[in-house]
PDB file of N, CA and C in Angstrom:
ATOM      1  N   UNK A   1       9.754  87.170 -43.624  1.00  0.00           N
ATOM      2  CA  UNK A   1       8.510  86.326 -43.987  1.00  0.00           C
ATOM      3  C   UNK A   1       7.359  87.372 -44.030  1.00  0.00           C
ATOM      4  N   UNK A   2       7.322  88.306 -43.031  1.00  0.00           N
ATOM      5  CA  UNK A   2       6.241  89.276 -42.989  1.00  0.00           C
ATOM      6  C   UNK A   2       6.222  90.074 -44.350  1.00  0.00           C
ATOM      7  N   UNK A   3       7.367  90.493 -44.804  1.00  0.00           N
ATOM      8  CA  UNK A   3       7.503  91.258 -45.939  1.00  0.00           C
ATOM      9  C   UNK A   3       6.972  90.467 -47.188  1.00  0.00           C
ATOM     10  N   UNK A   4       7.458  89.186 -47.210  1.00  0.00           N
ATOM     11  CA  UNK A   4       6.951  88.366 -48.383  1.00  0.00           C
ATOM     12  C   UNK A   4       5.513  88.141 -48.391  1.00  0.00           C
ATOM     13  N   UNK A   5       4.871  87.854 -47.314  1.00  0.00           N
ATOM     14  CA  UNK A   5       3.426  87.747 -47.183  1.00  0.00           C
ATOM     15  C   UNK A   5       2.790  89.132 -47.499  1.00  0.00           C
ATOM     16  N   UNK A   6       3.253  90.128 -47.158  1.00  0.00           N
ATOM     17  CA  UNK A   6       2.711  91.429 -47.396  1.00  0.00           C
ATOM     18  C   UNK A   6       2.695  91.782 -48.908  1.00  0.00           C
ATOM     19  N   UNK A   7       3.926  91.413 -49.512  1.00  0.00           N
ATOM     20  CA  UNK A   7       4.035  91.652 -50.988  1.00  0.00           C
ATOM     21  C   UNK A   7       3.006  90.741 -51.779  1.00  0.00           C
ATOM     22  N   UNK A   8       2.865  89.418 -51.326  1.00  0.00           N
ATOM     23  CA  UNK A   8       1.874  88.579 -51.909  1.00  0.00           C
ATOM     24  C   UNK A   8       0.557  89.090 -51.719  1.00  0.00           C
ATOM     25  N   UNK A   9       0.131  89.621 -50.672  1.00  0.00           N
ATOM     26  CA  UNK A   9      -1.230  90.162 -50.433  1.00  0.00           C
ATOM     27  C   UNK A   9      -1.475  91.323 -51.221  1.00  0.00           C
ATOM     28  N   UNK A  10      -0.458  92.023 -51.717  1.00  0.00           N
ATOM     29  CA  UNK A  10      -0.677  93.226 -52.537  1.00  0.00           C
ATOM     30  C   UNK A  10      -0.603  92.903 -54.037  1.00  0.00           C
ATOM     31  N   UNK A  11      -0.348  91.638 -54.251  1.00  0.00           N
ATOM     32  CA  UNK A  11      -0.233  91.169 -55.706  1.00  0.00           C
ATOM     33  C   UNK A  11       1.072  91.429 -56.359  1.00  0.00           C
ATOM     34  N   UNK A  12       2.042  91.807 -55.586  1.00  0.00           N
ATOM     35  CA  UNK A  12       3.336  92.107 -56.145  1.00  0.00           C
ATOM     36  C   UNK A  12       4.148  90.814 -56.433  1.00  0.00           C
ATOM     37  N   UNK A  13       3.720  89.638 -56.033  1.00  0.00           N
ATOM     38  CA  UNK A  13       4.408  88.317 -56.389  1.00  0.00           C
ATOM     39  C   UNK A  13       3.483  87.571 -57.218  1.00  0.00           C
ATOM     40  N   UNK A  14       4.152  86.714 -58.017  1.00  0.00           N
ATOM     41  CA  UNK A  14       3.240  85.813 -58.820  1.00  0.00           C
ATOM     42  C   UNK A  14       2.460  84.929 -57.995  1.00  0.00           C
ATOM     43  N   UNK A  15       1.339  84.517 -58.449  1.00  0.00           N
ATOM     44  CA  UNK A  15       0.376  83.578 -57.712  1.00  0.00           C
ATOM     45  C   UNK A  15       1.037  82.221 -57.662  1.00  0.00           C
ATOM     46  N   UNK A  16       0.655  81.320 -56.772  1.00  0.00           N
ATOM     47  CA  UNK A  16       1.096  79.982 -56.767  1.00  0.00           C
ATOM     48  C   UNK A  16       0.715  79.292 -58.086  1.00  0.00           C
ATOM     49  N   UNK A  17       1.683  78.541 -58.692  1.00  0.00           N
ATOM     50  CA  UNK A  17       1.288  77.795 -59.859  1.00  0.00           C
ATOM     51  C   UNK A  17       0.258  76.733 -59.574  1.00  0.00           C
ATOM     52  N   UNK A  18      -0.584  76.712 -60.591  1.00  0.00           N
ATOM     53  CA  UNK A  18      -1.717  75.675 -60.514  1.00  0.00           C
ATOM     54  C   UNK A  18      -1.456  74.558 -61.358  1.00  0.00           C
ATOM     55  N   UNK A  19      -2.247  73.373 -61.219  1.00  0.00           N
ATOM     56  CA  UNK A  19      -1.879  72.245 -62.107  1.00  0.00           C
ATOM     57  C   UNK A  19      -1.952  72.540 -63.523  1.00  0.00           C
ATOM     58  N   UNK A  20      -1.166  72.004 -64.339  1.00  0.00           N
ATOM     59  CA  UNK A  20      -1.057  72.321 -65.800  1.00  0.00           C
ATOM     60  C   UNK A  20      -0.134  73.489 -66.115  1.00  0.00           C
ATOM     61  N   UNK A  21       0.291  74.286 -65.061  1.00  0.00           N
ATOM     62  CA  UNK A  21       1.228  75.359 -65.451  1.00  0.00           C
ATOM     63  C   UNK A  21       2.504  74.849 -66.017  1.00  0.00           C
ATOM     64  N   UNK A  22       3.011  75.500 -66.962  1.00  0.00           N
ATOM     65  CA  UNK A  22       4.269  75.136 -67.719  1.00  0.00           C
ATOM     66  C   UNK A  22       5.469  74.878 -66.716  1.00  0.00           C
ATOM     67  N   UNK A  23       5.463  75.546 -65.629  1.00  0.00           N
ATOM     68  CA  UNK A  23       6.590  75.448 -64.749  1.00  0.00           C
ATOM     69  C   UNK A  23       6.797  73.914 -64.220  1.00  0.00           C
ATOM     70  N   UNK A  24       5.670  73.263 -64.368  1.00  0.00           N
ATOM     71  CA  UNK A  24       5.707  71.788 -63.896  1.00  0.00           C
ATOM     72  C   UNK A  24       6.195  70.759 -64.875  1.00  0.00           C
ATOM     73  N   UNK A  25       6.372  71.317 -66.198  1.00  0.00           N
ATOM     74  CA  UNK A  25       6.786  70.413 -67.290  1.00  0.00           C
ATOM     75  C   UNK A  25       8.004  69.603 -67.010  1.00  0.00           C
ATOM     76  N   UNK A  26       8.955  70.201 -66.209  1.00  0.00           N
ATOM     77  CA  UNK A  26      10.274  69.491 -65.991  1.00  0.00           C
ATOM     78  C   UNK A  26      10.349  68.993 -64.539  1.00  0.00           C
ATOM     79  N   UNK A  27       9.154  68.802 -63.929  1.00  0.00           N
ATOM     80  CA  UNK A  27       9.162  68.213 -62.548  1.00  0.00           C
ATOM     81  C   UNK A  27       8.779  66.742 -62.574  1.00  0.00           C
ATOM     82  N   UNK A  28       9.262  66.129 -61.656  1.00  0.00           N
ATOM     83  CA  UNK A  28       8.972  64.662 -61.445  1.00  0.00           C
ATOM     84  C   UNK A  28       8.847  64.429 -60.036  1.00  0.00           C
ATOM     85  N   UNK A  29       7.936  63.474 -59.637  1.00  0.00           N
ATOM     86  CA  UNK A  29       7.706  63.086 -58.211  1.00  0.00           C
ATOM     87  C   UNK A  29       8.105  61.593 -58.085  1.00  0.00           C
ATOM     88  N   UNK A  30       8.856  61.220 -57.184  1.00  0.00           N
ATOM     89  CA  UNK A  30       9.203  59.832 -56.924  1.00  0.00           C
ATOM     90  C   UNK A  30       8.912  59.448 -55.459  1.00  0.00           C
ATOM     91  N   UNK A  31       8.028  58.470 -55.213  1.00  0.00           N
ATOM     92  CA  UNK A  31       7.759  58.063 -53.896  1.00  0.00           C
ATOM     93  C   UNK A  31       8.857  57.123 -53.280  1.00  0.00           C
ATOM     94  N   UNK A  32       9.502  57.553 -52.282  1.00  0.00           N
ATOM     95  CA  UNK A  32      10.663  56.820 -51.787  1.00  0.00           C
ATOM     96  C   UNK A  32      10.338  56.204 -50.349  1.00  0.00           C
ATOM     97  N   UNK A  33       9.225  56.310 -49.964  1.00  0.00           N
ATOM     98  CA  UNK A  33       8.750  55.731 -48.701  1.00  0.00           C
ATOM     99  C   UNK A  33       7.256  55.650 -48.489  1.00  0.00           C
ATOM    100  N   UNK A  34       6.764  55.271 -47.342  1.00  0.00           N
ATOM    101  CA  UNK A  34       5.388  55.249 -47.085  1.00  0.00           C
ATOM    102  C   UNK A  34       5.208  55.429 -45.580  1.00  0.00           C
ATOM    103  N   UNK A  35       3.998  55.528 -45.263  1.00  0.00           N
ATOM    104  CA  UNK A  35       3.685  55.665 -43.800  1.00  0.00           C
ATOM    105  C   UNK A  35       4.084  54.418 -43.037  1.00  0.00           C
ATOM    106  N   UNK A  36       3.831  53.280 -43.684  1.00  0.00           N
ATOM    107  CA  UNK A  36       4.210  51.984 -43.071  1.00  0.00           C
ATOM    108  C   UNK A  36       5.640  51.874 -42.865  1.00  0.00           C
ATOM    109  N   UNK A  37       6.492  52.255 -43.873  1.00  0.00           N
ATOM    110  CA  UNK A  37       7.959  52.197 -43.770  1.00  0.00           C
ATOM    111  C   UNK A  37       8.485  53.111 -42.622  1.00  0.00           C
ATOM    112  N   UNK A  38       7.784  54.334 -42.535  1.00  0.00           N
ATOM    113  CA  UNK A  38       8.254  55.343 -41.500  1.00  0.00           C
ATOM    114  C   UNK A  38       7.831  54.783 -40.095  1.00  0.00           C
ATOM    115  N   UNK A  39       6.546  54.201 -40.036  1.00  0.00           N
ATOM    116  CA  UNK A  39       6.150  53.553 -38.708  1.00  0.00           C
ATOM    117  C   UNK A  39       7.135  52.488 -38.328  1.00  0.00           C
ATOM    118  N   UNK A  40       7.460  51.560 -39.223  1.00  0.00           N
ATOM    119  CA  UNK A  40       8.362  50.342 -39.009  1.00  0.00           C
ATOM    120  C   UNK A  40       9.683  50.919 -38.599  1.00  0.00           C
ATOM    121  N   UNK A  41      10.265  51.854 -39.287  1.00  0.00           N
ATOM    122  CA  UNK A  41      11.610  52.477 -38.760  1.00  0.00           C
ATOM    123  C   UNK A  41      11.421  53.217 -37.370  1.00  0.00           C
ATOM    124  N   UNK A  42      10.319  53.736 -37.110  1.00  0.00           N
ATOM    125  CA  UNK A  42      10.265  54.329 -35.759  1.00  0.00           C
ATOM    126  C   UNK A  42      10.124  53.325 -34.707  1.00  0.00           C
ATOM    127  N   UNK A  43       9.435  52.187 -35.043  1.00  0.00           N
ATOM    128  CA  UNK A  43       9.244  51.197 -34.025  1.00  0.00           C
ATOM    129  C   UNK A  43      10.565  50.438 -33.722  1.00  0.00           C
ATOM    130  N   UNK A  44      11.354  50.211 -34.810  1.00  0.00           N
ATOM    131  CA  UNK A  44      12.709  49.573 -34.650  1.00  0.00           C
ATOM    132  C   UNK A  44      13.519  50.499 -33.822  1.00  0.00           C
ATOM    133  N   UNK A  45      13.525  51.770 -34.050  1.00  0.00           N
ATOM    134  CA  UNK A  45      14.397  52.669 -33.196  1.00  0.00           C
ATOM    135  C   UNK A  45      13.988  52.688 -31.802  1.00  0.00           C
ATOM    136  N   UNK A  46      12.555  52.710 -31.565  1.00  0.00           N
ATOM    137  CA  UNK A  46      12.099  52.730 -30.213  1.00  0.00           C
ATOM    138  C   UNK A  46      12.489  51.354 -29.513  1.00  0.00           C
ATOM    139  N   UNK A  47      12.396  50.315 -30.222  1.00  0.00           N
ATOM    140  CA  UNK A  47      12.792  49.000 -29.679  1.00  0.00           C
ATOM    141  C   UNK A  47      14.254  49.046 -29.226  1.00  0.00           C
ATOM    142  N   UNK A  48      15.138  49.580 -30.111  1.00  0.00           N
ATOM    143  CA  UNK A  48      16.486  49.639 -29.900  1.00  0.00           C
ATOM    144  C   UNK A  48      16.901  50.441 -28.757  1.00  0.00           C
ATOM    145  N   UNK A  49      16.078  51.433 -28.415  1.00  0.00           N
ATOM    146  CA  UNK A  49      16.349  52.443 -27.397  1.00  0.00           C
ATOM    147  C   UNK A  49      15.639  51.859 -26.090  1.00  0.00           C
ATOM    148  N   UNK A  50      15.017  50.713 -26.018  1.00  0.00           N
ATOM    149  CA  UNK A  50      14.465  50.070 -24.911  1.00  0.00           C
ATOM    150  C   UNK A  50      13.013  50.274 -24.685  1.00  0.00           C
ATOM    151  N   UNK A  51      12.281  50.888 -25.598  1.00  0.00           N
ATOM    152  CA  UNK A  51      10.830  51.067 -25.489  1.00  0.00           C
ATOM    153  C   UNK A  51      10.116  49.804 -26.058  1.00  0.00           C
ATOM    154  N   UNK A  52       8.962  49.549 -25.497  1.00  0.00           N
ATOM    155  CA  UNK A  52       8.186  48.506 -26.132  1.00  0.00           C
ATOM    156  C   UNK A  52       7.286  49.217 -27.291  1.00  0.00           C
ATOM    157  N   UNK A  53       7.331  48.865 -28.461  1.00  0.00           N
ATOM    158  CA  UNK A  53       6.525  49.616 -29.465  1.00  0.00           C
ATOM    159  C   UNK A  53       5.514  48.600 -29.977  1.00  0.00           C
ATOM    160  N   UNK A  54       4.391  49.187 -30.544  1.00  0.00           N
ATOM    161  CA  UNK A  54       3.329  48.404 -31.211  1.00  0.00           C
ATOM    162  C   UNK A  54       2.725  49.270 -32.180  1.00  0.00           C
ATOM    163  N   UNK A  55       2.774  48.873 -33.499  1.00  0.00           N
ATOM    164  CA  UNK A  55       2.063  49.562 -34.627  1.00  0.00           C
ATOM    165  C   UNK A  55       0.639  48.991 -34.644  1.00  0.00           C
ATOM    166  N   UNK A  56      -0.343  49.943 -34.280  1.00  0.00           N
ATOM    167  CA  UNK A  56      -1.714  49.449 -34.437  1.00  0.00           C
ATOM    168  C   UNK A  56      -2.264  49.507 -35.844  1.00  0.00           C
ATOM    169  N   UNK A  57      -1.877  50.525 -36.529  1.00  0.00           N
ATOM    170  CA  UNK A  57      -2.323  50.763 -37.853  1.00  0.00           C
ATOM    171  C   UNK A  57      -1.453  51.843 -38.663  1.00  0.00           C
ATOM    172  N   UNK A  58      -1.406  51.765 -39.875  1.00  0.00           N
ATOM    173  CA  UNK A  58      -0.872  52.798 -40.620  1.00  0.00           C
ATOM    174  C   UNK A  58      -1.842  53.755 -41.267  1.00  0.00           C
ATOM    175  N   UNK A  59      -3.065  53.473 -40.961  1.00  0.00           N
ATOM    176  CA  UNK A  59      -4.248  54.185 -41.678  1.00  0.00           C
ATOM    177  C   UNK A  59      -5.067  54.961 -40.832  1.00  0.00           C
ATOM    178  N   UNK A  60      -4.459  55.480 -39.639  1.00  0.00           N
ATOM    179  CA  UNK A  60      -5.271  56.253 -38.679  1.00  0.00           C
ATOM    180  C   UNK A  60      -5.225  57.662 -39.107  1.00  0.00           C
ATOM    181  N   UNK A  61      -6.470  58.310 -39.027  1.00  0.00           N
ATOM    182  CA  UNK A  61      -6.668  59.616 -39.498  1.00  0.00           C
ATOM    183  C   UNK A  61      -7.450  60.486 -38.392  1.00  0.00           C
ATOM    184  N   UNK A  62      -7.285  61.665 -38.347  1.00  0.00           N
ATOM    185  CA  UNK A  62      -8.011  62.566 -37.399  1.00  0.00           C
ATOM    186  C   UNK A  62      -7.184  63.610 -36.747  1.00  0.00           C
ATOM    187  N   UNK A  63      -7.837  64.438 -35.977  1.00  0.00           N
ATOM    188  CA  UNK A  63      -7.256  65.427 -35.214  1.00  0.00           C
ATOM    189  C   UNK A  63      -6.418  64.843 -34.000  1.00  0.00           C
ATOM    190  N   UNK A  64      -5.117  65.277 -33.895  1.00  0.00           N
ATOM    191  CA  UNK A  64      -4.274  64.809 -32.841  1.00  0.00           C
ATOM    192  C   UNK A  64      -4.514  65.642 -31.502  1.00  0.00           C
ATOM    193  N   UNK A  65      -5.033  66.734 -31.626  1.00  0.00           N
ATOM    194  CA  UNK A  65      -5.226  67.625 -30.379  1.00  0.00           C
ATOM    195  C   UNK A  65      -6.436  67.333 -29.479  1.00  0.00           C
ATOM    196  N   UNK A  66      -7.165  66.351 -29.868  1.00  0.00           N
ATOM    197  CA  UNK A  66      -8.419  66.015 -29.135  1.00  0.00           C
ATOM    198  C   UNK A  66      -8.063  65.241 -27.916  1.00  0.00           C
TER     199      UNK A  66
END
């Protein structure tokens, strides 16, 4: 990893492709889940393991380290 970062800093590697780059012409994105689906699955698993779970919101944002 250190060598890869060093090469990138020296310009020895190609820059990260930007939007519109031809490399993306054959790419596709498919959304297969959502925050709410992940929360629901986590709550079901917690319930099955004997925990009492409660989903307050799927739209909470902010720093988790505070």
